[in-house]
Amino acid sequence: MFEILKRLLSDYYILYLKTQNYHWNFEGRDFFIWHKQFEEQYKDLAEAIDTVAELIRGIGQKTPAKFETYSQYSSIQPGNENYTSQEMIDDITAGHQAIMQTLEEALGVVQKAGDEVVADFIIGRMVHHRKVLWMLNSSKDKR
């Protein structure tokens, strides 16, 4: 269970950094909307990071202390401050999709282990990310 939680923590950490960076570097006529949206997202991700770290501690393991560990275990690629606004939105969307995959895998692992506390957290996060993905996908230009 520790390995999948470490992967989830790593995914959250990399997406957090990417989202905060895009919050700072987004440009375009929709700047204000996306600046606020990305801020809401990275604040939520920070809370998820804290909870996952506490869940890791709760099962008697230490949380990773090195950025290299997060980079190694994450399925999410680092951000690119030079992306266009649409590339940033697409990249954030892909990050949330990757976290959904990690959450789905984690749910199977923790349910098999019988840890309903962690399973409850994971299900709640799946509901949250499904909503975020709906909102991100609905905001794409369909022209």
Foldseek 3Di string as FASTA:
>chain_A
DLLLLLQLLLLLVQLLQLLQLCLVQADDPCNVVSVVVSVVVSVVSVVVNVVSQVVSVVVPHHHDDDNVSSVVRYPQDHHDSPDYNVVSLVSSLVSLVSSLVSLVVVLVVVVVVVPVVVNVVSVVVNVVSVVVNVVSVVPDDPD
